[in-house]
């Protein structure tokens, strides 16, 4: 934080030492709103052909898998089809009996992934 705003250390100090229940509720609401804005911004970067890492999903074994966005499916919740790379396809095959048949495959199209759970990797393009 700059330009006369409180430093991060000051904010943390306030939360730990002086914030009452009402302050904490307001801070929690602000954090939720900020996280939502950041998720929406990140989701807007998800486009066909972009490399992504999956996160924030249940079941948790899907988190950390990587691949390329094959297509975007608009709807009430915008979802993506992510073509998993070989390493992630193998990891998925060994993570759940449901996907055991993927063993030995080079890729797999994982459908129905919310774009808010796809983190674009800017270092791979």
Protein backbone atom coordinates (compact mmCIF):
# COMPACT_ATOMS: atom_id res chain seq x y z
CA UNK A 1 0.00 0.00 0.00
CA UNK A 2 1.31 3.44 -0.88
CA UNK A 3 0.31 7.09 -1.18
CA UNK A 4 -0.46 7.69 2.50
CA UNK A 5 -2.47 4.49 2.90
CA UNK A 6 -1.79 2.18 5.81
CA UNK A 7 1.07 -0.27 5.35
CA UNK A 8 0.38 -4.00 5.39
CA UNK A 9 2.06 -4.22 8.80
CA UNK A 10 -0.29 -1.53 10.12
CA UNK A 11 -3.34 -3.33 8.76
CA UNK A 12 -2.27 -6.63 10.27
CA UNK A 13 -1.48 -4.90 13.56
CA UNK A 14 -4.94 -3.36 13.59
CA UNK A 15 -6.60 -6.71 12.91
CA UNK A 16 -4.57 -8.53 15.57
CA UNK A 17 -4.65 -5.87 18.28
CA UNK A 18 -7.54 -3.44 17.90
CA UNK A 19 -10.29 -4.76 15.61
CA UNK A 20 -13.60 -5.58 17.25
CA UNK A 21 -16.26 -8.01 15.90
CA UNK A 22 -17.83 -5.34 13.71
CA UNK A 23 -14.45 -4.38 12.23
CA UNK A 24 -13.64 -8.03 11.54
CA UNK A 25 -17.00 -8.57 9.83
CA UNK A 26 -16.38 -5.57 7.57
CA UNK A 27 -12.85 -6.78 6.78
CA UNK A 28 -14.11 -10.28 5.98
CA UNK A 29 -16.78 -8.86 3.65
CA UNK A 30 -14.18 -6.69 1.92
CA UNK A 31 -11.83 -9.67 1.47
CA UNK A 32 -14.65 -11.77 -0.02
CA UNK A 33 -15.51 -8.99 -2.48
CA UNK A 34 -11.85 -8.53 -3.44
CA UNK A 35 -11.36 -12.27 -3.95
CA UNK A 36 -14.46 -12.30 -6.17
CA UNK A 37 -13.12 -9.43 -8.27
CA UNK A 38 -9.73 -11.16 -8.61
CA UNK A 39 -11.43 -14.44 -9.60
CA UNK A 40 -13.54 -12.65 -12.21
CA UNK A 41 -10.49 -10.85 -13.58
CA UNK A 42 -8.52 -14.10 -13.79
CA UNK A 43 -11.48 -15.87 -15.41
CA UNK A 44 -11.61 -13.18 -18.10
CA UNK A 45 -8.06 -14.20 -19.11
CA UNK A 46 -9.13 -17.81 -19.77
CA UNK A 47 -9.34 -18.25 -23.53
CA UNK A 48 -9.17 -21.14 -25.97
CA UNK A 49 -5.57 -22.27 -26.49
CA UNK A 50 -4.30 -20.80 -23.20
CA UNK A 51 -2.28 -23.00 -20.80
CA UNK A 52 -3.95 -23.26 -17.38
CA UNK A 53 -3.50 -24.80 -13.96
CA UNK A 54 -6.63 -25.96 -12.14
CA UNK A 55 -7.30 -24.80 -8.57
CA UNK A 56 -10.13 -24.41 -6.08
CA UNK A 57 -11.90 -27.56 -7.24
CA UNK A 58 -13.57 -30.39 -5.41
CA UNK A 59 -12.53 -33.15 -5.64
CA UNK A 60 -9.16 -31.81 -4.55
CA UNK A 61 -7.21 -34.29 -6.70
CA UNK A 62 -8.08 -32.09 -9.70
CA UNK A 63 -6.18 -29.15 -8.22
CA UNK A 64 -2.74 -28.60 -9.73
CA UNK A 65 -3.51 -30.41 -12.97
CA UNK A 66 -2.35 -28.56 -16.07
CA UNK A 67 -3.43 -28.38 -19.67
CA UNK A 68 -4.66 -26.23 -22.53
CA UNK A 69 -8.15 -24.73 -22.77
CA UNK A 70 -9.77 -26.56 -25.66
CA UNK A 71 -13.10 -24.72 -25.57
CA UNK A 72 -15.28 -22.40 -23.49
CA UNK A 73 -18.87 -23.35 -22.71
CA UNK A 74 -20.96 -20.27 -21.87
CA UNK A 75 -23.87 -20.60 -19.50
CA UNK A 76 -25.01 -19.60 -16.03
CA UNK A 77 -21.50 -20.66 -14.97
CA UNK A 78 -18.97 -20.33 -17.78
CA UNK A 79 -17.06 -23.58 -18.03
CA UNK A 80 -14.07 -24.83 -19.97
CA UNK A 81 -12.96 -28.06 -21.53
CA UNK A 82 -9.30 -28.45 -20.55
CA UNK A 83 -7.10 -30.86 -22.49
CA UNK A 84 -4.81 -32.19 -19.81
CA UNK A 85 -1.16 -32.71 -20.67
CA UNK A 86 0.47 -36.14 -20.35
CA UNK A 87 1.75 -35.63 -16.80
CA UNK A 88 -1.65 -34.43 -15.54
CA UNK A 89 -3.48 -37.20 -17.41
CA UNK A 90 -1.29 -39.77 -15.67
CA UNK A 91 -1.74 -38.08 -12.29
CA UNK A 92 -5.51 -38.15 -12.80
CA UNK A 93 -5.41 -41.83 -13.79
CA UNK A 94 -3.74 -42.73 -10.49
CA UNK A 95 -5.76 -40.36 -8.30
CA UNK A 96 -9.19 -41.94 -8.67
CA UNK A 97 -10.61 -45.29 -9.79
CA UNK A 98 -13.04 -43.25 -11.89
CA UNK A 99 -10.15 -42.24 -14.17
CA UNK A 100 -8.01 -45.42 -14.01
CA UNK A 101 -8.69 -46.12 -17.69
CA UNK A 102 -6.61 -43.05 -18.60
CA UNK A 103 -3.37 -44.82 -17.66
CA UNK A 104 -0.98 -44.69 -20.62
CA UNK A 105 -2.85 -41.93 -22.46
CA UNK A 106 -1.11 -38.74 -23.55
CA UNK A 107 -4.04 -36.39 -22.94
CA UNK A 108 -7.58 -36.19 -21.68
CA UNK A 109 -10.33 -33.63 -22.25
CA UNK A 110 -11.63 -32.72 -18.79
CA UNK A 111 -15.06 -31.15 -19.23
CA UNK A 112 -17.12 -28.77 -17.12
CA UNK A 113 -14.32 -26.91 -15.36
CA UNK A 114 -15.49 -23.47 -14.15
CA UNK A 115 -13.27 -20.82 -15.73
CA UNK A 116 -12.95 -19.28 -12.25
CA UNK A 117 -10.97 -22.42 -11.34
CA UNK A 118 -8.49 -22.03 -14.22
CA UNK A 119 -5.36 -20.01 -13.60
CA UNK A 120 -3.70 -18.91 -16.84
CA UNK A 121 0.04 -19.51 -16.80
CA UNK A 122 1.59 -16.39 -18.37
CA UNK A 123 5.04 -17.99 -18.57
CA UNK A 124 3.73 -20.57 -21.08
CA UNK A 125 2.20 -19.14 -24.21
